[in-house]
Amino acid sequence: MSERGFTLVELMISMVLGLVIIGGATGVILANRQSYRANEGLSQIQESARTAFELLARDVRQAGVTGCDSNGRVANVLRSDSGALWWQDWFGIRGFEGTEEDSAVEFGAGAPPANRIEGTDSIQLQGIEGTGLTVVQHVATSANFKINVPSTAIAKNDIVMVCDFDHAAIFKITNYNSANSTVVHNPKESTDPYNCSKGLGYPVDCDTPGAVGNDYTYGPNSQLSRLKAVDWYIGDNQRPAEGGRSLFRRSLSGAAEEIVAGVADMQISYREAGETEFGPAAPDTVWSNVNAVMITLTLNSVDARLSTNASENSGRLERSFTNIITLRNRVP
């Protein structure tokens, strides 16, 4: 009768071969899983970069836009007894280096806007919001405008800009009657900031005692729009498990919104008209001449342990992206 079954040696060889096959299959599965996580991390970085630059570029392109070709002539009647607000004066665009204090946000790890990361640049931008409304009549002596249609885009206490081809003016709406489409801009009639004068002529002198401003009447077809002022910066999002940094945007209303998570750094340089090179924000930068901005964003993956170097930044993937954005109002 012939012998059947396995010898001990054959059994051990079979077990070893089985373990090798299982180990290989497990290795392939783990490698595929890690590759999937890495690809997902790269996709997240790329999508975050696209979102960040798309939203940032919208504000940069509109910086300095008044709605009319007013050649930078802006009469600003806003004043405040409690100190100037960061957006109160007209500047269009201005930047801050990583160690320079930004008047809109503070360095720290607190709640926004007191959460700017030191060493990262920030940028302030001003312009108008939306397409604006058309002025039908301006009664300067009564400090009111008639606009072409009733609108929900403006309200009492809004900060607005009116312009024609001579100059623009910034003021606060002290009353708005939607029934007859009347915008009122009386002086010293509301809380800070307030209008120092009902005269909207250029230039305005609100700092001299007794000054009442220059009388000026805006003609029909002048444009009236809400003023937009934003500050873009890198802030502490108070989520250290995800890397702890995000791109934030603070608006004129005072609120700071988290726009994109995982943005670890922002470096900005500027080009002035007539120059060929970009340079950092500096005391001698003539902001009214800046016509292009070069922004470099460094983004990290939200998930850790994706990189081959697990000892650096908890193994997060990191990529840097650079875009050059022109200010539409300042290029030929």
Protein backbone atom coordinates (compact mmCIF):
# COMPACT_ATOMS: atom_id res chain seq x y z
CA MET A 1 0.00 0.00 0.00
CA SER A 2 1.52 3.38 -1.10
CA GLU A 3 2.09 6.18 1.40
CA ARG A 4 -0.08 9.30 1.16
CA GLY A 5 0.02 12.83 2.68
CA PHE A 6 2.75 15.40 3.26
CA THR A 7 6.06 15.01 4.86
CA LEU A 8 7.02 17.48 7.57
CA VAL A 9 9.51 19.12 5.22
CA GLU A 10 6.90 19.55 2.49
CA LEU A 11 4.45 21.02 5.00
CA MET A 12 7.00 23.54 6.27
CA ILE A 13 7.96 24.53 2.72
CA SER A 14 4.28 25.04 1.85
CA MET A 15 3.75 27.17 4.96
CA VAL A 16 6.79 29.31 4.16
CA LEU A 17 5.62 29.80 0.58
CA GLY A 18 2.15 30.71 1.85
CA LEU A 19 3.59 33.27 4.26
CA VAL A 20 5.70 34.77 1.48
CA ILE A 21 2.64 35.09 -0.76
CA ILE A 22 0.54 36.58 2.06
CA GLY A 23 3.36 38.97 2.98
CA GLY A 24 3.74 40.05 -0.64
CA ALA A 25 0.02 40.60 -1.03
CA THR A 26 -0.11 42.55 2.23
CA GLY A 27 2.84 44.67 1.11
CA VAL A 28 1.14 45.46 -2.19
CA ILE A 29 -2.07 46.41 -0.39
CA LEU A 30 -0.22 48.67 2.07
CA ALA A 31 1.83 50.25 -0.72
CA ASN A 32 -1.31 50.90 -2.75
CA ARG A 33 -3.02 52.38 0.30
CA GLN A 34 -0.07 54.69 0.99
CA SER A 35 0.08 55.65 -2.68
CA TYR A 36 -3.63 56.41 -2.59
CA ARG A 37 -3.21 58.57 0.53
CA ALA A 38 -0.28 60.42 -1.06
CA ASN A 39 -2.23 61.05 -4.26
CA GLU A 40 -5.21 62.21 -2.22
CA GLY A 41 -2.91 64.57 -0.30
CA LEU A 42 -1.49 65.99 -3.55
CA SER A 43 -5.01 66.44 -4.94
CA GLN A 44 -6.03 68.29 -1.78
CA ILE A 45 -2.99 70.59 -2.07
CA GLN A 46 -3.67 71.33 -5.75
CA GLU A 47 -7.37 71.99 -5.17
CA SER A 48 -6.57 74.23 -2.20
CA ALA A 49 -4.03 76.16 -4.28
CA ARG A 50 -6.55 76.70 -7.09
CA THR A 51 -9.20 77.91 -4.64
CA ALA A 52 -6.80 80.20 -2.79
CA PHE A 53 -5.44 81.87 -5.93
CA GLU A 54 -8.86 82.20 -7.55
CA LEU A 55 -10.33 84.07 -4.57
CA LEU A 56 -7.17 86.06 -3.87
CA ALA A 57 -6.83 87.09 -7.50
CA ARG A 58 -10.38 88.45 -7.61
CA ASP A 59 -9.60 90.93 -4.85
CA VAL A 60 -6.13 91.83 -6.20
CA ARG A 61 -7.41 92.51 -9.72
CA GLN A 62 -10.08 94.88 -8.37
CA ALA A 63 -7.72 96.75 -6.03
CA GLY A 64 -7.88 100.50 -6.51
CA VAL A 65 -11.04 100.40 -8.64
CA THR A 66 -13.35 103.35 -7.95
CA GLY A 67 -15.88 102.76 -10.71
CA CYS A 68 -14.70 105.81 -12.66
CA ASP A 69 -11.38 106.97 -14.05
CA SER A 70 -10.73 109.42 -11.21
CA ASN A 71 -6.91 109.30 -11.47
CA GLY A 72 -6.48 108.47 -7.80
CA ARG A 73 -8.28 111.61 -6.61
CA VAL A 74 -10.34 110.47 -3.62
CA ALA A 75 -12.09 112.75 -1.12
CA ASN A 76 -12.47 110.82 2.13
CA VAL A 77 -14.74 112.45 4.72
CA LEU A 78 -14.64 109.53 7.17
CA ARG A 79 -13.23 110.24 10.61
CA SER A 80 -13.20 108.44 13.96
CA ASP A 81 -12.84 109.74 17.52
CA SER A 82 -11.53 106.38 18.72
CA GLY A 83 -8.61 106.20 16.30
CA ALA A 84 -8.28 105.48 12.60
CA LEU A 85 -9.67 102.19 11.38
CA TRP A 86 -7.43 100.07 9.16
CA TRP A 87 -9.63 100.56 6.09
CA GLN A 88 -10.59 104.17 6.76
CA ASP A 89 -8.05 105.86 4.49
CA TRP A 90 -7.99 105.19 0.76
CA PHE A 91 -4.90 103.27 -0.35
CA GLY A 92 -6.02 100.71 -2.94
CA ILE A 93 -3.26 98.25 -2.07
CA ARG A 94 -0.56 97.94 0.57
CA GLY A 95 1.48 95.05 1.87
CA PHE A 96 3.26 93.98 5.03
CA GLU A 97 6.37 91.86 5.39
CA GLY A 98 6.45 88.88 7.74
CA THR A 99 7.85 90.81 10.71
CA GLU A 100 5.88 94.00 10.04
CA GLU A 101 2.71 94.74 11.98
CA ASP A 102 -0.48 94.74 9.94
CA SER A 103 -3.04 97.32 11.08
CA ALA A 104 -5.92 94.90 10.40
CA VAL A 105 -4.67 91.77 12.18
CA GLU A 106 -2.41 90.93 15.10
CA PHE A 107 0.36 88.40 15.55
CA GLY A 108 -0.69 85.61 17.90
CA ALA A 109 -2.55 82.34 18.36
CA GLY A 110 -5.88 83.75 19.50
CA ALA A 111 -9.21 83.98 17.77
CA PRO A 112 -9.29 85.74 14.38
CA PRO A 113 -8.18 88.42 13.62
CA ALA A 114 -5.59 88.10 16.43
CA ASN A 115 -4.01 85.01 14.92
CA ARG A 116 -1.53 86.08 12.24
CA ILE A 117 1.56 83.86 11.94
CA GLU A 118 4.80 85.81 12.30
CA GLY A 119 7.12 85.46 9.32
CA THR A 120 4.29 85.34 6.77
CA ASP A 121 3.36 88.31 4.58
CA SER A 122 -0.08 89.93 4.43
CA ILE A 123 -1.83 92.28 2.03
CA GLN A 124 -4.63 94.84 2.28
CA LEU A 125 -6.81 95.64 -0.73
CA GLN A 126 -9.52 98.23 -1.38
CA GLY A 127 -11.99 98.72 -4.19
CA ILE A 128 -15.69 98.78 -4.85
CA GLU A 129 -18.16 95.95 -4.39
CA GLY A 130 -20.42 94.94 -7.25
CA THR A 131 -21.35 97.00 -10.28
CA GLY A 132 -22.73 99.98 -8.38
CA LEU A 133 -25.81 102.16 -8.67
CA THR A 134 -26.42 105.16 -10.93
CA VAL A 135 -26.90 108.62 -9.42
CA VAL A 136 -29.93 110.47 -10.75
CA GLN A 137 -29.47 113.62 -8.68
CA HIS A 138 -27.15 114.89 -5.95
CA VAL A 139 -28.46 117.67 -3.71
CA ALA A 140 -25.21 118.70 -2.04
CA THR A 141 -26.78 121.29 0.27
CA SER A 142 -29.12 118.64 1.70
CA ALA A 143 -26.44 115.93 1.66
CA ASN A 144 -28.47 113.38 -0.27
CA PHE A 145 -28.35 111.38 -3.47
CA LYS A 146 -31.21 110.08 -5.56
CA ILE A 147 -30.31 106.77 -7.17
CA ASN A 148 -31.90 105.17 -10.21
CA VAL A 149 -33.58 102.18 -8.54
CA PRO A 150 -34.42 101.00 -5.01
CA SER A 151 -31.70 98.60 -3.92
CA THR A 152 -31.04 96.10 -1.16
CA ALA A 153 -27.30 96.31 -1.90
CA ILE A 154 -26.92 99.33 0.39
CA ALA A 155 -28.22 100.21 3.83
CA LYS A 156 -27.86 102.73 6.63
CA ASN A 157 -24.33 102.82 8.12
CA ASP A 158 -22.76 101.28 5.01
CA ILE A 159 -19.48 102.77 3.83
CA VAL A 160 -19.79 103.71 0.17
CA MET A 161 -17.90 105.42 -2.64
CA VAL A 162 -19.36 107.79 -5.21
CA CYS A 163 -17.41 108.85 -8.28
CA ASP A 164 -17.41 110.75 -11.53
CA PHE A 165 -14.55 111.48 -13.91
CA ASP A 166 -13.23 114.31 -11.71
CA HIS A 167 -12.83 112.47 -8.42
CA ALA A 168 -14.31 109.91 -6.03
CA ALA A 169 -15.53 110.37 -2.46
CA ILE A 170 -15.85 107.97 0.48
CA PHE A 171 -18.58 108.53 3.05
CA LYS A 172 -20.96 106.78 5.43
CA ILE A 173 -24.67 106.45 4.70
CA THR A 174 -26.49 108.07 7.62
CA ASN A 175 -29.94 107.19 6.30
CA TYR A 176 -31.38 105.29 3.35
CA ASN A 177 -34.98 105.52 2.20
CA SER A 178 -35.69 102.73 -0.24
CA ALA A 179 -39.18 104.09 -0.93
CA ASN A 180 -37.80 107.09 -2.82
CA SER A 181 -34.27 105.74 -3.41
CA THR A 182 -32.59 108.45 -1.34
CA VAL A 183 -29.14 108.10 0.20
CA VAL A 184 -28.30 110.61 2.96
CA HIS A 185 -24.75 111.50 4.08
CA ASN A 186 -25.15 114.00 6.91
CA PRO A 187 -22.07 114.88 8.98
CA LYS A 188 -21.45 113.73 12.58
CA GLU A 189 -24.77 111.93 12.80
CA SER A 190 -23.76 108.40 13.73
CA THR A 191 -21.24 106.38 15.69
CA ASP A 192 -17.63 105.93 14.60
CA PRO A 193 -16.69 106.28 11.90
CA TYR A 194 -18.68 109.37 10.93
CA ASN A 195 -18.75 111.94 8.14
CA CYS A 196 -16.77 115.01 9.10
CA SER A 197 -18.51 117.08 6.43
CA LYS A 198 -21.31 116.90 3.91
CA GLY A 199 -19.05 118.53 1.33
CA LEU A 200 -17.65 115.81 -0.94
CA GLY A 201 -15.28 117.97 -3.00
CA TYR A 202 -11.60 117.15 -3.52
CA PRO A 203 -9.48 117.70 -1.50
CA VAL A 204 -11.16 117.31 1.88
CA ASP A 205 -9.67 118.74 5.07
CA CYS A 206 -11.33 117.16 8.09
CA ASP A 207 -8.42 117.63 10.46
CA THR A 208 -8.47 121.42 10.67
CA PRO A 209 -10.81 122.80 13.36
CA GLY A 210 -13.84 124.37 11.77
CA ALA A 211 -13.26 122.79 8.37
CA VAL A 212 -16.48 122.00 6.55
CA GLY A 213 -15.06 120.39 3.44
CA ASN A 214 -15.39 121.49 -0.14
CA ASP A 215 -18.82 121.75 -1.72
CA TYR A 216 -19.23 119.58 -4.79
CA THR A 217 -22.23 118.28 -6.68
CA TYR A 218 -22.02 114.96 -8.47
CA GLY A 219 -23.88 114.97 -11.74
CA PRO A 220 -26.32 112.46 -13.19
CA ASN A 221 -24.80 109.08 -14.14
CA SER A 222 -22.21 109.25 -11.38
CA GLN A 223 -21.66 105.84 -9.80
CA LEU A 224 -22.33 104.88 -6.16
CA SER A 225 -21.02 101.57 -4.77
CA ARG A 226 -20.26 99.92 -1.47
CA LEU A 227 -16.62 100.19 -0.44
CA LYS A 228 -14.78 96.88 -0.23
CA ALA A 229 -11.71 96.46 1.97
CA VAL A 230 -10.08 93.10 2.68
CA ASP A 231 -6.95 91.81 4.38
CA TRP A 232 -5.42 88.46 3.36
CA TYR A 233 -3.07 86.74 5.80
CA ILE A 234 -1.88 83.39 7.16
CA GLY A 235 -3.39 82.64 10.56
CA ASP A 236 -3.49 80.04 13.31
CA ASN A 237 -6.62 77.93 12.77
CA GLN A 238 -6.30 76.31 16.24
CA ARG A 239 -6.28 72.81 14.74
CA PRO A 240 -2.70 71.59 15.32
CA ALA A 241 -3.59 68.04 14.27
CA GLU A 242 -4.16 69.39 10.74
CA GLY A 243 -1.03 71.54 10.65
CA GLY A 244 -2.49 74.56 12.43
CA ARG A 245 -2.34 77.12 9.59
CA SER A 246 -4.87 78.50 7.11
CA LEU A 247 -5.35 81.35 4.68
CA PHE A 248 -7.68 83.96 6.20
CA ARG A 249 -9.56 86.94 4.76
CA ARG A 250 -10.72 89.82 6.93
CA SER A 251 -13.31 92.21 5.55
CA LEU A 252 -14.35 95.77 6.30
CA SER A 253 -17.08 94.48 8.63
CA GLY A 254 -14.40 93.17 10.99
CA ALA A 255 -15.05 89.48 10.52
CA ALA A 256 -12.11 87.21 9.62
CA GLU A 257 -13.01 84.10 7.64
CA GLU A 258 -10.94 80.97 7.16
CA ILE A 259 -10.69 80.51 3.40
CA VAL A 260 -8.35 77.56 2.79
CA ALA A 261 -6.83 75.16 5.32
CA GLY A 262 -3.27 73.93 5.01
CA VAL A 263 -1.73 77.16 3.67
CA ALA A 264 1.47 77.38 5.71
CA ASP A 265 3.14 80.46 4.22
CA MET A 266 2.53 83.43 1.94
CA GLN A 267 5.31 85.54 0.47
CA ILE A 268 4.43 88.59 -1.63
CA SER A 269 6.47 90.92 -3.82
CA TYR A 270 5.32 93.93 -5.82
CA ARG A 271 6.12 95.63 -9.11
CA GLU A 272 5.77 99.35 -9.58
CA ALA A 273 5.02 101.01 -12.91
CA GLY A 274 8.22 101.55 -14.90
CA GLU A 275 10.10 98.81 -13.05
CA THR A 276 11.02 95.36 -14.37
CA GLU A 277 11.68 93.60 -11.07
CA PHE A 278 9.40 92.63 -8.21
CA GLY A 279 10.41 93.66 -4.71
CA PRO A 280 9.20 93.24 -1.12
CA ALA A 281 7.00 95.72 0.70
CA ALA A 282 9.29 98.52 1.85
CA PRO A 283 9.02 101.99 3.39
CA ASP A 284 9.82 103.56 0.01
CA THR A 285 7.23 101.54 -1.93
CA VAL A 286 4.89 103.90 -3.77
CA TRP A 287 1.68 101.93 -3.42
CA SER A 288 -0.22 104.06 -5.91
CA ASN A 289 2.30 102.93 -8.56
CA VAL A 290 2.01 99.18 -7.86
CA ASN A 291 0.47 97.45 -10.88
CA ALA A 292 1.29 93.78 -10.30
CA VAL A 293 1.73 91.38 -7.40
CA MET A 294 3.67 88.12 -7.25
CA ILE A 295 2.32 85.75 -4.60
CA THR A 296 3.91 82.49 -3.49
CA LEU A 297 1.77 80.17 -1.37
CA THR A 298 3.21 77.16 0.43
CA LEU A 299 0.62 74.49 1.14
CA ASN A 300 0.78 71.37 3.29
CA SER A 301 -1.44 68.31 3.17
CA VAL A 302 -3.93 68.18 6.01
CA ASP A 303 -3.11 64.51 6.65
CA ALA A 304 0.22 63.56 8.22
CA ARG A 305 2.58 60.64 7.45
CA LEU A 306 2.33 60.95 3.68
CA SER A 307 5.90 61.97 2.92
CA THR A 308 8.91 59.66 2.90
CA ASN A 309 10.48 62.03 5.44
CA ALA A 310 8.25 61.43 8.45
CA SER A 311 10.49 63.44 10.77
CA GLU A 312 9.81 66.75 9.00
CA ASN A 313 6.46 68.49 9.51
CA SER A 314 4.91 65.21 10.71
CA GLY A 315 5.40 63.70 7.26
CA ARG A 316 3.02 66.12 5.52
CA LEU A 317 3.39 66.75 1.81
CA GLU A 318 4.43 70.30 0.93
CA ARG A 319 4.26 72.21 -2.34
CA SER A 320 4.79 75.87 -3.29
CA PHE A 321 2.91 77.71 -6.05
CA THR A 322 3.58 81.16 -7.51
CA ASN A 323 1.16 83.39 -9.43
CA ILE A 324 1.57 86.90 -10.84
CA ILE A 325 -1.60 88.99 -10.71
CA THR A 326 -2.07 92.40 -12.32
CA LEU A 327 -4.25 95.21 -11.02
CA ARG A 328 -6.70 95.83 -13.85
CA ASN A 329 -7.18 99.46 -12.94
CA ARG A 330 -3.45 100.20 -13.28
CA VAL A 331 -2.36 98.54 -16.49
CA PRO A 332 -2.69 100.09 -19.97
